[in-house]
Amino acid sequence: MKTAVIGTTTWGTTLAITLARRGLPAALWARTAEEAVRLTKERQNKTRLPDYEFPPSLSVTASLKEA
């Protein structure tokens, strides 16, 4: 099962990280492709949750289809 979290707010990022840490492949949906690229490159949400890196099973996308 793959999960999707819509929104990169503090709550959305926390939820996506928690799900991924529990072994569920998770996708975090960003509003723009630029944001998705930045979060993917940095592997963390430095604006909202700077002390937590994304687990390997967490992906970021701007496409609802992919999420």
PDB file of N, CA and C in Angstrom:
ATOM      1  N   MET A   1       0.840  -1.168   0.000  1.00  0.00           N
ATOM      2  CA  MET A   1       0.000   0.000   0.000  1.00  0.00           C
ATOM      3  C   MET A   1       0.888   1.235   0.000  1.00  0.00           C
ATOM      4  N   LYS A   2       0.554   2.211  -0.817  1.00  0.00           N
ATOM      5  CA  LYS A   2       1.256   3.486  -0.860  1.00  0.00           C
ATOM      6  C   LYS A   2       0.332   4.554  -0.305  1.00  0.00           C
ATOM      7  N   THR A   3       0.882   5.457   0.478  1.00  0.00           N
ATOM      8  CA  THR A   3       0.086   6.531   1.040  1.00  0.00           C
ATOM      9  C   THR A   3       0.493   7.855   0.402  1.00  0.00           C
ATOM     10  N   ALA A   4      -0.427   8.796   0.411  1.00  0.00           N
ATOM     11  CA  ALA A   4      -0.139  10.128  -0.112  1.00  0.00           C
ATOM     12  C   ALA A   4      -0.612  11.152   0.907  1.00  0.00           C
ATOM     13  N   VAL A   5       0.209  12.158   1.131  1.00  0.00           N
ATOM     14  CA  VAL A   5      -0.139  13.260   2.014  1.00  0.00           C
ATOM     15  C   VAL A   5      -0.152  14.511   1.157  1.00  0.00           C
ATOM     16  N   ILE A   6      -1.257  15.217   1.187  1.00  0.00           N
ATOM     17  CA  ILE A   6      -1.402  16.415   0.375  1.00  0.00           C
ATOM     18  C   ILE A   6      -1.048  17.626   1.223  1.00  0.00           C
ATOM     19  N   GLY A   7       0.033  18.292   0.832  1.00  0.00           N
ATOM     20  CA  GLY A   7       0.453  19.505   1.521  1.00  0.00           C
ATOM     21  C   GLY A   7       1.756  19.338   2.279  1.00  0.00           C
ATOM     22  N   THR A   8       2.621  20.330   2.150  1.00  0.00           N
ATOM     23  CA  THR A   8       3.942  20.284   2.769  1.00  0.00           C
ATOM     24  C   THR A   8       4.030  21.173   4.005  1.00  0.00           C
ATOM     25  N   THR A   9       2.894  21.392   4.651  1.00  0.00           N
ATOM     26  CA  THR A   9       2.893  22.151   5.895  1.00  0.00           C
ATOM     27  C   THR A   9       3.628  21.340   6.957  1.00  0.00           C
ATOM     28  N   THR A  10       3.771  21.900   8.135  1.00  0.00           N
ATOM     29  CA  THR A  10       4.422  21.175   9.226  1.00  0.00           C
ATOM     30  C   THR A  10       3.684  19.866   9.498  1.00  0.00           C
ATOM     31  N   TRP A  11       2.367  19.928   9.548  1.00  0.00           N
ATOM     32  CA  TRP A  11       1.573  18.731   9.822  1.00  0.00           C
ATOM     33  C   TRP A  11       1.697  17.716   8.686  1.00  0.00           C
ATOM     34  N   GLY A  12       1.591  18.144   7.448  1.00  0.00           N
ATOM     35  CA  GLY A  12       1.695  17.227   6.320  1.00  0.00           C
ATOM     36  C   GLY A  12       3.060  16.573   6.244  1.00  0.00           C
ATOM     37  N   THR A  13       4.113  17.351   6.446  1.00  0.00           N
ATOM     38  CA  THR A  13       5.467  16.806   6.419  1.00  0.00           C
ATOM     39  C   THR A  13       5.670  15.811   7.553  1.00  0.00           C
ATOM     40  N   THR A  14       5.194  16.153   8.756  1.00  0.00           N
ATOM     41  CA  THR A  14       5.316  15.253   9.908  1.00  0.00           C
ATOM     42  C   THR A  14       4.589  13.944   9.649  1.00  0.00           C
ATOM     43  N   LEU A  15       3.386  14.021   9.132  1.00  0.00           N
ATOM     44  CA  LEU A  15       2.607  12.819   8.845  1.00  0.00           C
ATOM     45  C   LEU A  15       3.305  11.939   7.809  1.00  0.00           C
ATOM     46  N   ALA A  16       3.806  12.544   6.749  1.00  0.00           N
ATOM     47  CA  ALA A  16       4.487  11.780   5.700  1.00  0.00           C
ATOM     48  C   ALA A  16       5.751  11.106   6.236  1.00  0.00           C
ATOM     49  N   ILE A  17       6.531  11.821   7.043  1.00  0.00           N
ATOM     50  CA  ILE A  17       7.735  11.236   7.633  1.00  0.00           C
ATOM     51  C   ILE A  17       7.374  10.076   8.551  1.00  0.00           C
ATOM     52  N   THR A  18       6.351  10.262   9.366  1.00  0.00           N
ATOM     53  CA  THR A  18       5.916   9.208  10.291  1.00  0.00           C
ATOM     54  C   THR A  18       5.476   7.964   9.541  1.00  0.00           C
ATOM     55  N   LEU A  19       4.689   8.123   8.503  1.00  0.00           N
ATOM     56  CA  LEU A  19       4.238   6.975   7.711  1.00  0.00           C
ATOM     57  C   LEU A  19       5.420   6.256   7.067  1.00  0.00           C
ATOM     58  N   ALA A  20       6.347   7.031   6.493  1.00  0.00           N
ATOM     59  CA  ALA A  20       7.516   6.434   5.840  1.00  0.00           C
ATOM     60  C   ALA A  20       8.402   5.712   6.849  1.00  0.00           C
ATOM     61  N   ARG A  21       8.539   6.265   8.033  1.00  0.00           N
ATOM     62  CA  ARG A  21       9.344   5.605   9.073  1.00  0.00           C
ATOM     63  C   ARG A  21       8.725   4.290   9.533  1.00  0.00           C
ATOM     64  N   ARG A  22       7.421   4.170   9.381  1.00  0.00           N
ATOM     65  CA  ARG A  22       6.733   2.930   9.755  1.00  0.00           C
ATOM     66  C   ARG A  22       6.741   1.898   8.631  1.00  0.00           C
ATOM     67  N   GLY A  23       7.460   2.212   7.569  1.00  0.00           N
ATOM     68  CA  GLY A  23       7.626   1.253   6.487  1.00  0.00           C
ATOM     69  C   GLY A  23       6.661   1.385   5.329  1.00  0.00           C
ATOM     70  N   LEU A  24       5.804   2.387   5.367  1.00  0.00           N
ATOM     71  CA  LEU A  24       4.863   2.585   4.259  1.00  0.00           C
ATOM     72  C   LEU A  24       5.475   3.520   3.225  1.00  0.00           C
ATOM     73  N   PRO A  25       5.492   3.118   1.963  1.00  0.00           N
ATOM     74  CA  PRO A  25       5.938   4.062   0.939  1.00  0.00           C
ATOM     75  C   PRO A  25       4.983   5.258   0.946  1.00  0.00           C
ATOM     76  N   ALA A  26       5.533   6.454   1.080  1.00  0.00           N
ATOM     77  CA  ALA A  26       4.692   7.640   1.190  1.00  0.00           C
ATOM     78  C   ALA A  26       5.112   8.675   0.153  1.00  0.00           C
ATOM     79  N   ALA A  27       4.114   9.375  -0.363  1.00  0.00           N
ATOM     80  CA  ALA A  27       4.357  10.472  -1.296  1.00  0.00           C
ATOM     81  C   ALA A  27       3.831  11.747  -0.658  1.00  0.00           C
ATOM     82  N   LEU A  28       4.629  12.786  -0.705  1.00  0.00           N
ATOM     83  CA  LEU A  28       4.251  14.087  -0.175  1.00  0.00           C
ATOM     84  C   LEU A  28       3.991  15.001  -1.368  1.00  0.00           C
ATOM     85  N   TRP A  29       2.781  15.564  -1.440  1.00  0.00           N
ATOM     86  CA  TRP A  29       2.412  16.401  -2.576  1.00  0.00           C
ATOM     87  C   TRP A  29       2.742  17.855  -2.280  1.00  0.00           C
ATOM     88  N   ALA A  30       3.503  18.468  -3.178  1.00  0.00           N
ATOM     89  CA  ALA A  30       3.856  19.887  -3.091  1.00  0.00           C
ATOM     90  C   ALA A  30       3.048  20.662  -4.127  1.00  0.00           C
ATOM     91  N   ARG A  31       2.788  21.909  -3.867  1.00  0.00           N
ATOM     92  CA  ARG A  31       1.989  22.737  -4.777  1.00  0.00           C
ATOM     93  C   ARG A  31       2.664  23.003  -6.106  1.00  0.00           C
ATOM     94  N   THR A  32       3.986  23.129  -6.086  1.00  0.00           N
ATOM     95  CA  THR A  32       4.700  23.462  -7.316  1.00  0.00           C
ATOM     96  C   THR A  32       5.819  22.464  -7.581  1.00  0.00           C
ATOM     97  N   ALA A  33       6.186  22.378  -8.842  1.00  0.00           N
ATOM     98  CA  ALA A  33       7.293  21.501  -9.225  1.00  0.00           C
ATOM     99  C   ALA A  33       8.598  21.990  -8.594  1.00  0.00           C
ATOM    100  N   GLU A  34       8.765  23.302  -8.482  1.00  0.00           N
ATOM    101  CA  GLU A  34       9.977  23.866  -7.887  1.00  0.00           C
ATOM    102  C   GLU A  34      10.120  23.428  -6.431  1.00  0.00           C
ATOM    103  N   GLU A  35       9.019  23.471  -5.691  1.00  0.00           N
ATOM    104  CA  GLU A  35       9.050  23.041  -4.293  1.00  0.00           C
ATOM    105  C   GLU A  35       9.353  21.550  -4.195  1.00  0.00           C
ATOM    106  N   ALA A  36       8.744  20.767  -5.055  1.00  0.00           N
ATOM    107  CA  ALA A  36       8.977  19.322  -5.046  1.00  0.00           C
ATOM    108  C   ALA A  36      10.441  19.000  -5.335  1.00  0.00           C
ATOM    109  N   VAL A  37      11.027  19.695  -6.297  1.00  0.00           N
ATOM    110  CA  VAL A  37      12.437  19.489  -6.637  1.00  0.00           C
ATOM    111  C   VAL A  37      13.327  19.869  -5.454  1.00  0.00           C
ATOM    112  N   ARG A  38      13.042  21.005  -4.821  1.00  0.00           N
ATOM    113  CA  ARG A  38      13.846  21.462  -3.691  1.00  0.00           C
ATOM    114  C   ARG A  38      13.779  20.480  -2.519  1.00  0.00           C
ATOM    115  N   LEU A  39      12.572  20.035  -2.183  1.00  0.00           N
ATOM    116  CA  LEU A  39      12.417  19.094  -1.068  1.00  0.00           C
ATOM    117  C   LEU A  39      13.076  17.743  -1.378  1.00  0.00           C
ATOM    118  N   THR A  40      12.979  17.316  -2.614  1.00  0.00           N
ATOM    119  CA  THR A  40      13.607  16.062  -3.018  1.00  0.00           C
ATOM    120  C   THR A  40      15.121  16.180  -2.921  1.00  0.00           C
ATOM    121  N   LYS A  41      15.656  17.290  -3.379  1.00  0.00           N
ATOM    122  CA  LYS A  41      17.111  17.504  -3.353  1.00  0.00           C
ATOM    123  C   LYS A  41      17.636  17.615  -1.920  1.00  0.00           C
ATOM    124  N   GLU A  42      16.946  18.373  -1.082  1.00  0.00           N
ATOM    125  CA  GLU A  42      17.394  18.606   0.294  1.00  0.00           C
ATOM    126  C   GLU A  42      17.068  17.443   1.232  1.00  0.00           C
ATOM    127  N   ARG A  43      16.077  16.623   0.860  1.00  0.00           N
ATOM    128  CA  ARG A  43      15.624  15.486   1.659  1.00  0.00           C
ATOM    129  C   ARG A  43      15.166  15.903   3.052  1.00  0.00           C
ATOM    130  N   GLN A  44      14.655  17.120   3.134  1.00  0.00           N
ATOM    131  CA  GLN A  44      14.021  17.616   4.354  1.00  0.00           C
ATOM    132  C   GLN A  44      13.263  18.890   4.021  1.00  0.00           C
ATOM    133  N   ASN A  45      12.347  19.268   4.899  1.00  0.00           N
ATOM    134  CA  ASN A  45      11.584  20.500   4.718  1.00  0.00           C
ATOM    135  C   ASN A  45      12.211  21.542   5.644  1.00  0.00           C
ATOM    136  N   LYS A  46      13.243  22.221   5.157  1.00  0.00           N
ATOM    137  CA  LYS A  46      13.998  23.173   5.972  1.00  0.00           C
ATOM    138  C   LYS A  46      13.147  24.337   6.462  1.00  0.00           C
ATOM    139  N   THR A  47      12.087  24.666   5.745  1.00  0.00           N
ATOM    140  CA  THR A  47      11.212  25.770   6.130  1.00  0.00           C
ATOM    141  C   THR A  47      10.298  25.384   7.290  1.00  0.00           C
ATOM    142  N   ARG A  48       9.764  24.186   7.244  1.00  0.00           N
ATOM    143  CA  ARG A  48       8.755  23.771   8.228  1.00  0.00           C
ATOM    144  C   ARG A  48       9.272  22.831   9.319  1.00  0.00           C
ATOM    145  N   LEU A  49      10.203  21.960   8.976  1.00  0.00           N
ATOM    146  CA  LEU A  49      10.659  20.930   9.911  1.00  0.00           C
ATOM    147  C   LEU A  49      12.144  20.649   9.673  1.00  0.00           C
ATOM    148  N   PRO A  50      13.006  21.618   9.979  1.00  0.00           N
ATOM    149  CA  PRO A  50      14.412  21.534   9.565  1.00  0.00           C
ATOM    150  C   PRO A  50      15.237  20.437  10.224  1.00  0.00           C
ATOM    151  N   ASP A  51      14.806  19.898  11.323  1.00  0.00           N
ATOM    152  CA  ASP A  51      15.618  18.911  12.039  1.00  0.00           C
ATOM    153  C   ASP A  51      15.320  17.461  11.665  1.00  0.00           C
ATOM    154  N   TYR A  52      14.461  17.240  10.677  1.00  0.00           N
ATOM    155  CA  TYR A  52      14.047  15.883  10.338  1.00  0.00           C
ATOM    156  C   TYR A  52      14.283  15.583   8.865  1.00  0.00           C
ATOM    157  N   GLU A  53      15.135  14.613   8.589  1.00  0.00           N
ATOM    158  CA  GLU A  53      15.394  14.200   7.209  1.00  0.00           C
ATOM    159  C   GLU A  53      14.300  13.248   6.740  1.00  0.00           C
ATOM    160  N   PHE A  54      14.097  13.230   5.436  1.00  0.00           N
ATOM    161  CA  PHE A  54      13.105  12.333   4.851  1.00  0.00           C
ATOM    162  C   PHE A  54      13.657  10.912   4.799  1.00  0.00           C
ATOM    163  N   PRO A  55      12.870   9.933   5.220  1.00  0.00           N
ATOM    164  CA  PRO A  55      13.281   8.533   5.061  1.00  0.00           C
ATOM    165  C   PRO A  55      13.357   8.177   3.571  1.00  0.00           C
ATOM    166  N   PRO A  56      14.111   7.142   3.229  1.00  0.00           N
ATOM    167  CA  PRO A  56      14.244   6.742   1.816  1.00  0.00           C
ATOM    168  C   PRO A  56      12.909   6.424   1.137  1.00  0.00           C
ATOM    169  N   SER A  57      11.929   5.937   1.894  1.00  0.00           N
ATOM    170  CA  SER A  57      10.651   5.555   1.276  1.00  0.00           C
ATOM    171  C   SER A  57       9.693   6.739   1.100  1.00  0.00           C
ATOM    172  N   LEU A  58      10.148   7.952   1.389  1.00  0.00           N
ATOM    173  CA  LEU A  58       9.333   9.148   1.202  1.00  0.00           C
ATOM    174  C   LEU A  58       9.738   9.847  -0.085  1.00  0.00           C
ATOM    175  N   SER A  59       8.779  10.023  -0.970  1.00  0.00           N
ATOM    176  CA  SER A  59       9.018  10.763  -2.212  1.00  0.00           C
ATOM    177  C   SER A  59       8.207  12.049  -2.188  1.00  0.00           C
ATOM    178  N   VAL A  60       8.642  13.021  -2.968  1.00  0.00           N
ATOM    179  CA  VAL A  60       7.940  14.300  -3.067  1.00  0.00           C
ATOM    180  C   VAL A  60       7.596  14.523  -4.531  1.00  0.00           C
ATOM    181  N   THR A  61       6.379  14.983  -4.775  1.00  0.00           N
ATOM    182  CA  THR A  61       5.924  15.207  -6.141  1.00  0.00           C
ATOM    183  C   THR A  61       4.978  16.394  -6.188  1.00  0.00           C
ATOM    184  N   ALA A  62       4.871  16.996  -7.347  1.00  0.00           N
ATOM    185  CA  ALA A  62       3.882  18.056  -7.565  1.00  0.00           C
ATOM    186  C   ALA A  62       2.716  17.524  -8.384  1.00  0.00           C
ATOM    187  N   SER A  63       2.736  16.253  -8.697  1.00  0.00           N
ATOM    188  CA  SER A  63       1.688  15.615  -9.504  1.00  0.00           C
ATOM    189  C   SER A  63       0.756  14.811  -8.605  1.00  0.00           C
ATOM    190  N   LEU A  64      -0.514  15.162  -8.607  1.00  0.00           N
ATOM    191  CA  LEU A  64      -1.467  14.383  -7.818  1.00  0.00           C
ATOM    192  C   LEU A  64      -1.587  12.956  -8.335  1.00  0.00           C
ATOM    193  N   LYS A  65      -1.383  12.782  -9.638  1.00  0.00           N
ATOM    194  CA  LYS A  65      -1.429  11.439 -10.222  1.00  0.00           C
ATOM    195  C   LYS A  65      -0.346  10.544  -9.648  1.00  0.00           C
ATOM    196  N   GLU A  66       0.864  11.096  -9.520  1.00  0.00           N
ATOM    197  CA  GLU A  66       1.981  10.330  -8.968  1.00  0.00           C
ATOM    198  C   GLU A  66       1.824  10.080  -7.467  1.00  0.00           C
ATOM    199  N   ALA A  67       1.227  11.054  -6.772  1.00  0.00           N
ATOM    200  CA  ALA A  67       1.040  10.907  -5.325  1.00  0.00           C
ATOM    201  C   ALA A  67       0.060   9.794  -5.050  1.00  0.00           C
TER     202      ALA A  67
END
